[in-house]
Amino acid sequence: MIQRIQSILLVLVIASLISSVVFPLGLKANEELKEVAEMSAKETVVKKLVDGEEKVLETKGHIYLFILPLLAAGVALFSLFQYKNRLRQMQLGALNSLIMAGSLGLIVFKYVDLGELIPVTTHETPLFGFWALAAAMIFNLSANRFIRKDEKLVKSMDRIR
């Protein structure tokens, strides 16, 4: 039953989570000092423009921002093939929501922490990776809603018999 709407939404969850790992998450810049801090799922890189060349000042790694979305994508993939057991699918969807909320919370915490690397920021932008993770959460909630609706429909049909 891969053609159900919740299956399509789970595929969108997986695609959004993978794109949140691939694309950058956030950017903070100080135009006066010509410093830029770019945060991705793997690391945060602070660069400074010196004589027309970018010079890397500092690199901070954070592998857990890379692992958590991939873990959530794996749970969504497993949930996609559990269509015969809707209760398990709902449980996996709830677990996936918790993993994604934790991941989003850590990303926001690290994004706010970028202010430590660049003291005065004049330009702050959450980038595509951040919004892809937020979209994955919305797709997951929608998929859970349709799974629950499907389960209620099956239970009501069993009562009629």
N, C-alpha and C. Protein backbone atom coordinates (compact mmCIF):
# COMPACT_ATOMS: atom_id res chain seq x y z
N MET A 1 0.83 -1.20 0.00
CA MET A 1 0.00 0.00 0.00
C MET A 1 0.87 1.25 0.00
N ILE A 2 1.82 1.30 -0.86
CA ILE A 2 2.72 2.45 -0.93
C ILE A 2 2.01 3.66 -1.52
N GLN A 3 0.88 3.48 -2.19
CA GLN A 3 0.23 4.59 -2.87
C GLN A 3 -0.65 5.42 -1.93
N ARG A 4 -0.78 5.07 -0.67
CA ARG A 4 -1.60 5.84 0.26
C ARG A 4 -0.96 7.20 0.51
N ILE A 5 -1.78 8.17 0.93
CA ILE A 5 -1.29 9.54 1.13
C ILE A 5 -0.25 9.58 2.25
N GLN A 6 -0.43 8.75 3.30
CA GLN A 6 0.55 8.76 4.38
C GLN A 6 1.89 8.21 3.92
N SER A 7 1.88 7.30 2.97
CA SER A 7 3.14 6.78 2.44
C SER A 7 3.87 7.86 1.65
N ILE A 8 3.11 8.64 0.88
CA ILE A 8 3.72 9.74 0.14
C ILE A 8 4.29 10.77 1.10
N LEU A 9 3.56 11.05 2.18
CA LEU A 9 4.06 12.00 3.18
C LEU A 9 5.31 11.47 3.88
N LEU A 10 5.37 10.17 4.14
CA LEU A 10 6.57 9.61 4.76
C LEU A 10 7.78 9.69 3.82
N VAL A 11 7.54 9.53 2.52
CA VAL A 11 8.63 9.70 1.55
C VAL A 11 9.11 11.15 1.56
N LEU A 12 8.17 12.10 1.69
CA LEU A 12 8.55 13.51 1.79
C LEU A 12 9.32 13.79 3.09
N VAL A 13 8.96 13.10 4.17
CA VAL A 13 9.72 13.23 5.43
C VAL A 13 11.16 12.79 5.21
N ILE A 14 11.34 11.65 4.58
CA ILE A 14 12.68 11.12 4.34
C ILE A 14 13.48 12.08 3.46
N ALA A 15 12.87 12.58 2.39
CA ALA A 15 13.57 13.50 1.49
C ALA A 15 13.93 14.80 2.21
N SER A 16 13.04 15.30 3.04
CA SER A 16 13.32 16.54 3.77
C SER A 16 14.44 16.34 4.79
N LEU A 17 14.43 15.20 5.47
CA LEU A 17 15.47 14.94 6.46
C LEU A 17 16.85 14.79 5.81
N ILE A 18 16.89 14.13 4.68
CA ILE A 18 18.17 13.98 3.98
C ILE A 18 18.66 15.33 3.46
N SER A 19 17.74 16.15 2.97
CA SER A 19 18.16 17.47 2.49
C SER A 19 18.57 18.38 3.64
N SER A 20 18.05 18.15 4.85
CA SER A 20 18.50 18.96 5.99
C SER A 20 19.94 18.61 6.39
N VAL A 21 20.37 17.41 6.04
CA VAL A 21 21.76 17.02 6.30
C VAL A 21 22.69 17.54 5.21
N VAL A 22 22.19 17.59 3.99
CA VAL A 22 23.02 17.97 2.85
C VAL A 22 23.23 19.48 2.76
N PHE A 23 22.17 20.25 2.98
CA PHE A 23 22.24 21.70 2.82
C PHE A 23 22.63 22.39 4.13
N PRO A 24 23.19 23.62 4.05
CA PRO A 24 23.55 24.36 5.26
C PRO A 24 22.32 24.73 6.10
N LEU A 25 22.54 24.85 7.41
CA LEU A 25 21.44 25.11 8.34
C LEU A 25 21.25 26.58 8.66
N GLY A 26 22.34 27.30 8.83
CA GLY A 26 22.23 28.70 9.21
C GLY A 26 23.48 29.49 8.90
N LEU A 27 23.32 30.81 8.91
CA LEU A 27 24.42 31.71 8.57
C LEU A 27 24.33 32.94 9.45
N LYS A 28 25.43 33.32 10.04
CA LYS A 28 25.53 34.58 10.77
C LYS A 28 26.73 35.32 10.24
N ALA A 29 26.57 36.63 10.04
CA ALA A 29 27.66 37.42 9.45
C ALA A 29 27.81 38.74 10.19
N ASN A 30 29.05 39.19 10.27
CA ASN A 30 29.38 40.52 10.77
C ASN A 30 30.04 41.26 9.63
N GLU A 31 29.32 42.21 9.06
CA GLU A 31 29.83 42.91 7.88
C GLU A 31 30.96 43.87 8.22
N GLU A 32 30.99 44.38 9.45
CA GLU A 32 32.06 45.31 9.84
C GLU A 32 33.40 44.59 9.94
N LEU A 33 33.41 43.43 10.58
CA LEU A 33 34.64 42.65 10.73
C LEU A 33 34.88 41.72 9.55
N LYS A 34 33.91 41.63 8.66
CA LYS A 34 33.96 40.76 7.49
C LYS A 34 34.15 39.29 7.89
N GLU A 35 33.36 38.90 8.90
CA GLU A 35 33.37 37.51 9.37
C GLU A 35 32.03 36.86 9.07
N VAL A 36 32.09 35.58 8.74
CA VAL A 36 30.88 34.80 8.45
C VAL A 36 31.00 33.46 9.16
N ALA A 37 29.92 33.05 9.84
CA ALA A 37 29.85 31.72 10.44
C ALA A 37 28.73 30.96 9.75
N GLU A 38 29.08 29.85 9.11
CA GLU A 38 28.10 29.03 8.42
C GLU A 38 27.98 27.69 9.13
N MET A 39 26.75 27.34 9.48
CA MET A 39 26.50 26.12 10.22
C MET A 39 25.87 25.09 9.29
N SER A 40 26.47 23.91 9.23
CA SER A 40 25.90 22.79 8.51
C SER A 40 25.68 21.66 9.51
N ALA A 41 25.17 20.53 9.05
CA ALA A 41 24.90 19.42 9.96
C ALA A 41 26.18 18.82 10.53
N LYS A 42 27.27 18.91 9.79
CA LYS A 42 28.53 18.31 10.25
C LYS A 42 29.38 19.26 11.09
N GLU A 43 29.41 20.54 10.69
CA GLU A 43 30.33 21.46 11.37
C GLU A 43 29.90 22.91 11.19
N THR A 44 30.50 23.75 12.01
CA THR A 44 30.34 25.19 11.88
C THR A 44 31.70 25.76 11.50
N VAL A 45 31.71 26.56 10.44
CA VAL A 45 32.95 27.13 9.94
C VAL A 45 32.86 28.65 10.05
N VAL A 46 33.86 29.25 10.69
CA VAL A 46 33.95 30.70 10.79
C VAL A 46 35.03 31.15 9.82
N LYS A 47 34.64 32.04 8.90
CA LYS A 47 35.56 32.54 7.87
C LYS A 47 35.68 34.05 7.99
N LYS A 48 36.84 34.55 7.59
CA LYS A 48 37.06 36.00 7.58
C LYS A 48 37.64 36.37 6.22
N LEU A 49 37.15 37.46 5.67
CA LEU A 49 37.63 37.96 4.39
C LEU A 49 38.84 38.86 4.64
N VAL A 50 40.02 38.40 4.19
CA VAL A 50 41.27 39.14 4.38
C VAL A 50 41.90 39.34 3.01
N ASP A 51 42.03 40.58 2.60
CA ASP A 51 42.65 40.93 1.32
C ASP A 51 42.01 40.19 0.14
N GLY A 52 40.69 40.09 0.14
CA GLY A 52 39.99 39.45 -0.97
C GLY A 52 39.96 37.93 -0.91
N GLU A 53 40.58 37.33 0.11
CA GLU A 53 40.60 35.87 0.25
C GLU A 53 39.88 35.48 1.53
N GLU A 54 39.18 34.35 1.46
CA GLU A 54 38.53 33.83 2.65
C GLU A 54 39.53 33.01 3.45
N LYS A 55 39.62 33.34 4.73
CA LYS A 55 40.52 32.61 5.63
C LYS A 55 39.67 31.96 6.73
N VAL A 56 39.85 30.66 6.92
CA VAL A 56 39.09 29.93 7.94
C VAL A 56 39.72 30.21 9.30
N LEU A 57 38.89 30.78 10.19
CA LEU A 57 39.38 31.10 11.53
C LEU A 57 39.18 29.95 12.51
N GLU A 58 38.01 29.34 12.43
CA GLU A 58 37.69 28.29 13.40
C GLU A 58 36.71 27.30 12.79
N THR A 59 36.85 26.05 13.18
CA THR A 59 35.92 25.00 12.74
C THR A 59 35.50 24.21 13.97
N LYS A 60 34.18 24.09 14.16
CA LYS A 60 33.65 23.30 15.27
C LYS A 60 32.80 22.19 14.69
N GLY A 61 33.10 20.97 15.05
CA GLY A 61 32.33 19.83 14.58
C GLY A 61 31.21 19.47 15.54
N HIS A 62 30.10 19.05 15.01
CA HIS A 62 28.99 18.54 15.82
C HIS A 62 28.28 17.44 15.02
N ILE A 63 28.76 16.23 15.23
CA ILE A 63 28.31 15.08 14.46
C ILE A 63 26.87 14.68 14.82
N TYR A 64 26.41 15.01 16.03
CA TYR A 64 25.06 14.62 16.45
C TYR A 64 24.00 15.33 15.63
N LEU A 65 24.29 16.52 15.09
CA LEU A 65 23.33 17.19 14.20
C LEU A 65 23.28 16.50 12.85
N PHE A 66 24.26 15.67 12.56
CA PHE A 66 24.30 14.87 11.34
C PHE A 66 23.60 13.53 11.56
N ILE A 67 23.79 12.95 12.74
CA ILE A 67 23.26 11.62 13.03
C ILE A 67 21.76 11.64 13.30
N LEU A 68 21.27 12.63 14.07
CA LEU A 68 19.86 12.64 14.45
C LEU A 68 18.90 12.71 13.26
N PRO A 69 19.10 13.60 12.28
CA PRO A 69 18.19 13.57 11.12
C PRO A 69 18.27 12.28 10.31
N LEU A 70 19.48 11.70 10.21
CA LEU A 70 19.59 10.43 9.50
C LEU A 70 18.89 9.30 10.26
N LEU A 71 18.95 9.33 11.59
CA LEU A 71 18.23 8.37 12.41
C LEU A 71 16.73 8.52 12.21
N ALA A 72 16.26 9.77 12.19
CA ALA A 72 14.83 10.02 11.96
C ALA A 72 14.42 9.56 10.55
N ALA A 73 15.28 9.75 9.57
CA ALA A 73 14.99 9.27 8.21
C ALA A 73 14.90 7.74 8.19
N GLY A 74 15.77 7.08 8.94
CA GLY A 74 15.71 5.63 9.03
C GLY A 74 14.43 5.14 9.69
N VAL A 75 13.99 5.83 10.74
CA VAL A 75 12.74 5.47 11.40
C VAL A 75 11.56 5.67 10.45
N ALA A 76 11.59 6.77 9.69
CA ALA A 76 10.51 7.04 8.72
C ALA A 76 10.50 5.98 7.62
N LEU A 77 11.68 5.56 7.18
CA LEU A 77 11.77 4.52 6.15
C LEU A 77 11.22 3.19 6.68
N PHE A 78 11.56 2.84 7.91
CA PHE A 78 11.04 1.62 8.52
C PHE A 78 9.52 1.72 8.68
N SER A 79 9.05 2.88 9.10
CA SER A 79 7.62 3.10 9.28
C SER A 79 6.86 3.00 7.96
N LEU A 80 7.50 3.41 6.88
CA LEU A 80 6.88 3.36 5.56
C LEU A 80 6.47 1.93 5.19
N PHE A 81 7.27 0.95 5.56
CA PHE A 81 7.00 -0.43 5.20
C PHE A 81 6.23 -1.19 6.28
N GLN A 82 5.74 -0.49 7.29
CA GLN A 82 4.93 -1.11 8.34
C GLN A 82 3.44 -0.83 8.12
N TYR A 83 3.02 -0.71 6.87
CA TYR A 83 1.65 -0.32 6.56
C TYR A 83 0.61 -1.37 6.97
N LYS A 84 1.02 -2.59 7.20
CA LYS A 84 0.07 -3.62 7.63
C LYS A 84 -0.24 -3.50 9.12
N ASN A 85 0.63 -2.88 9.86
CA ASN A 85 0.44 -2.70 11.30
C ASN A 85 0.39 -1.19 11.59
N ARG A 86 -0.83 -0.64 11.53
CA ARG A 86 -0.98 0.80 11.68
C ARG A 86 -0.65 1.29 13.08
N LEU A 87 -0.87 0.47 14.10
CA LEU A 87 -0.52 0.89 15.46
C LEU A 87 0.99 1.07 15.60
N ARG A 88 1.74 0.16 15.04
CA ARG A 88 3.20 0.30 15.06
C ARG A 88 3.62 1.53 14.26
N GLN A 89 2.93 1.78 13.16
CA GLN A 89 3.24 2.95 12.35
C GLN A 89 3.01 4.23 13.15
N MET A 90 1.93 4.27 13.93
CA MET A 90 1.66 5.45 14.75
C MET A 90 2.72 5.61 15.84
N GLN A 91 3.15 4.51 16.44
CA GLN A 91 4.20 4.57 17.46
C GLN A 91 5.51 5.06 16.87
N LEU A 92 5.86 4.55 15.69
CA LEU A 92 7.08 4.99 15.03
C LEU A 92 6.99 6.46 14.63
N GLY A 93 5.81 6.90 14.23
CA GLY A 93 5.61 8.31 13.90
C GLY A 93 5.81 9.21 15.12
N ALA A 94 5.31 8.76 16.28
CA ALA A 94 5.50 9.53 17.51
C ALA A 94 6.98 9.56 17.90
N LEU A 95 7.66 8.43 17.78
CA LEU A 95 9.10 8.39 18.06
C LEU A 95 9.86 9.30 17.11
N ASN A 96 9.46 9.28 15.85
CA ASN A 96 10.11 10.13 14.86
C ASN A 96 9.90 11.61 15.17
N SER A 97 8.71 11.96 15.66
CA SER A 97 8.44 13.35 16.05
C SER A 97 9.36 13.78 17.19
N LEU A 98 9.58 12.88 18.14
CA LEU A 98 10.48 13.20 19.26
C LEU A 98 11.92 13.38 18.78
N ILE A 99 12.37 12.51 17.90
CA ILE A 99 13.74 12.62 17.39
C ILE A 99 13.91 13.92 16.61
N MET A 100 12.94 14.26 15.77
CA MET A 100 13.04 15.48 14.98
C MET A 100 12.93 16.73 15.86
N ALA A 101 12.09 16.69 16.90
CA ALA A 101 11.99 17.84 17.81
C ALA A 101 13.31 18.03 18.55
N GLY A 102 13.92 16.94 18.99
CA GLY A 102 15.23 17.04 19.63
C GLY A 102 16.28 17.59 18.69
N SER A 103 16.25 17.12 17.46
CA SER A 103 17.20 17.60 16.46
C SER A 103 17.00 19.09 16.19
N LEU A 104 15.75 19.51 16.03
CA LEU A 104 15.46 20.92 15.78
C LEU A 104 15.86 21.78 16.98
N GLY A 105 15.62 21.27 18.19
CA GLY A 105 16.03 21.99 19.39
C GLY A 105 17.53 22.16 19.47
N LEU A 106 18.28 21.11 19.15
CA LEU A 106 19.74 21.20 19.15
C LEU A 106 20.24 22.17 18.08
N ILE A 107 19.59 22.18 16.93
CA ILE A 107 19.99 23.09 15.86
C ILE A 107 19.76 24.53 16.29
N VAL A 108 18.61 24.80 16.90
CA VAL A 108 18.33 26.16 17.37
C VAL A 108 19.33 26.56 18.46
N PHE A 109 19.63 25.64 19.37
CA PHE A 109 20.60 25.92 20.43
C PHE A 109 21.97 26.24 19.83
N LYS A 110 22.41 25.45 18.88
CA LYS A 110 23.72 25.70 18.24
C LYS A 110 23.70 26.98 17.41
N TYR A 111 22.55 27.29 16.80
CA TYR A 111 22.44 28.50 15.99
C TYR A 111 22.54 29.74 16.88
N VAL A 112 21.91 29.69 18.04
CA VAL A 112 22.02 30.81 18.98
C VAL A 112 23.44 30.89 19.52
N ASP A 113 24.07 29.74 19.68
CA ASP A 113 25.45 29.67 20.18
C ASP A 113 26.45 30.25 19.18
N LEU A 114 26.05 30.42 17.93
CA LEU A 114 26.96 31.03 16.94
C LEU A 114 27.31 32.46 17.31
N GLY A 115 26.47 33.11 18.10
CA GLY A 115 26.76 34.46 18.56
C GLY A 115 28.03 34.54 19.39
N GLU A 116 28.44 33.42 19.96
CA GLU A 116 29.70 33.36 20.71
C GLU A 116 30.90 33.42 19.77
N LEU A 117 30.75 32.85 18.59
CA LEU A 117 31.85 32.84 17.62
C LEU A 117 31.98 34.18 16.91
N ILE A 118 30.86 34.80 16.60
CA ILE A 118 30.86 36.12 15.98
C ILE A 118 30.10 37.03 16.94
N PRO A 119 30.81 37.90 17.67
CA PRO A 119 30.18 38.64 18.77
C PRO A 119 28.99 39.52 18.35
N VAL A 120 29.16 40.35 17.36
CA VAL A 120 28.09 41.24 16.93
C VAL A 120 27.71 40.86 15.51
N THR A 121 26.51 40.33 15.37
CA THR A 121 26.08 39.92 14.05
C THR A 121 25.18 40.99 13.44
N THR A 122 25.38 41.26 12.19
CA THR A 122 24.54 42.21 11.49
C THR A 122 23.60 41.51 10.52
N HIS A 123 23.84 40.22 10.30
CA HIS A 123 23.02 39.48 9.35
C HIS A 123 22.88 38.04 9.85
N GLU A 124 21.63 37.62 10.11
CA GLU A 124 21.35 36.26 10.56
C GLU A 124 20.32 35.65 9.62
N THR A 125 20.58 34.44 9.16
CA THR A 125 19.66 33.79 8.25
C THR A 125 19.62 32.28 8.50
N PRO A 126 18.43 31.74 8.84
CA PRO A 126 18.30 30.28 8.80
C PRO A 126 18.21 29.86 7.34
N LEU A 127 18.98 28.87 6.96
CA LEU A 127 19.05 28.46 5.56
C LEU A 127 18.17 27.25 5.27
N PHE A 128 18.28 26.71 4.06
CA PHE A 128 17.37 25.68 3.55
C PHE A 128 17.34 24.43 4.43
N GLY A 129 18.47 24.02 4.97
CA GLY A 129 18.51 22.81 5.79
C GLY A 129 17.63 22.91 7.02
N PHE A 130 17.60 24.09 7.63
CA PHE A 130 16.74 24.33 8.79
C PHE A 130 15.27 24.22 8.41
N TRP A 131 14.91 24.86 7.31
CA TRP A 131 13.51 24.85 6.89
C TRP A 131 13.10 23.47 6.39
N ALA A 132 14.03 22.70 5.85
CA ALA A 132 13.72 21.34 5.41
C ALA A 132 13.38 20.46 6.62
N LEU A 133 14.09 20.67 7.73
CA LEU A 133 13.79 19.90 8.94
C LEU A 133 12.43 20.29 9.50
N ALA A 134 12.11 21.57 9.46
CA ALA A 134 10.78 22.01 9.91
C ALA A 134 9.68 21.43 9.01
N ALA A 135 9.93 21.39 7.71
CA ALA A 135 8.96 20.79 6.78
C ALA A 135 8.81 19.30 7.05
N ALA A 136 9.90 18.62 7.39
CA ALA A 136 9.83 17.19 7.70
C ALA A 136 8.94 16.95 8.91
N MET A 137 9.01 17.83 9.89
CA MET A 137 8.15 17.69 11.07
C MET A 137 6.67 17.85 10.69
N ILE A 138 6.38 18.80 9.82
CA ILE A 138 5.00 19.01 9.38
C ILE A 138 4.51 17.81 8.57
N PHE A 139 5.35 17.30 7.68
CA PHE A 139 4.97 16.11 6.89
C PHE A 139 4.74 14.91 7.80
N ASN A 140 5.57 14.76 8.83
CA ASN A 140 5.42 13.63 9.75
C ASN A 140 4.12 13.75 10.54
N LEU A 141 3.79 14.94 11.01
CA LEU A 141 2.53 15.12 11.73
C LEU A 141 1.33 14.83 10.82
N SER A 142 1.42 15.26 9.58
CA SER A 142 0.34 14.98 8.63
C SER A 142 0.21 13.49 8.35
N ALA A 143 1.33 12.81 8.19
CA ALA A 143 1.30 11.37 7.96
C ALA A 143 0.68 10.65 9.15
N ASN A 144 1.04 11.06 10.36
CA ASN A 144 0.45 10.45 11.56
C ASN A 144 -1.05 10.68 11.61
N ARG A 145 -1.48 11.85 11.20
CA ARG A 145 -2.91 12.16 11.17
C ARG A 145 -3.65 11.23 10.20
N PHE A 146 -3.09 11.01 9.02
CA PHE A 146 -3.74 10.15 8.05
C PHE A 146 -3.68 8.67 8.46
N ILE A 147 -2.63 8.26 9.13
CA ILE A 147 -2.55 6.88 9.63
C ILE A 147 -3.63 6.66 10.68
N ARG A 148 -3.79 7.64 11.58
CA ARG A 148 -4.82 7.54 12.61
C ARG A 148 -6.22 7.51 11.98
N LYS A 149 -6.43 8.34 10.97
CA LYS A 149 -7.72 8.37 10.26
C LYS A 149 -8.00 7.03 9.59
N ASP A 150 -6.99 6.43 9.00
CA ASP A 150 -7.11 5.13 8.36
C ASP A 150 -7.46 4.05 9.38
N GLU A 151 -6.83 4.10 10.53
CA GLU A 151 -7.10 3.12 11.59
C GLU A 151 -8.54 3.25 12.10
N LYS A 152 -9.03 4.48 12.26
CA LYS A 152 -10.42 4.68 12.68
C LYS A 152 -11.39 4.14 11.65
N LEU A 153 -11.09 4.32 10.38
CA LEU A 153 -11.94 3.81 9.31
C LEU A 153 -12.00 2.28 9.34
N VAL A 154 -10.88 1.63 9.55
CA VAL A 154 -10.84 0.16 9.61
C VAL A 154 -11.61 -0.34 10.82
N LYS A 155 -11.47 0.33 11.96
CA LYS A 155 -12.20 -0.09 13.17
C LYS A 155 -13.70 0.10 13.00
N SER A 156 -14.12 1.16 12.33
CA SER A 156 -15.54 1.39 12.12
C SER A 156 -16.12 0.34 11.16
N MET A 157 -15.35 -0.10 10.19
CA MET A 157 -15.81 -1.13 9.27
C MET A 157 -15.92 -2.48 9.98
N ASP A 158 -15.03 -2.74 10.95
CA ASP A 158 -15.13 -3.98 11.71
C ASP A 158 -16.39 -3.99 12.59
N ARG A 159 -16.82 -2.85 13.09
CA ARG A 159 -18.01 -2.77 13.91
C ARG A 159 -19.28 -3.05 13.10
N ILE A 160 -19.26 -2.63 11.85
CA ILE A 160 -20.44 -2.82 11.01
C ILE A 160 -20.66 -4.30 10.72
N ARG A 161 -19.62 -5.07 10.57
CA ARG A 161 -19.74 -6.50 10.29
C ARG A 161 -20.32 -7.15 11.49
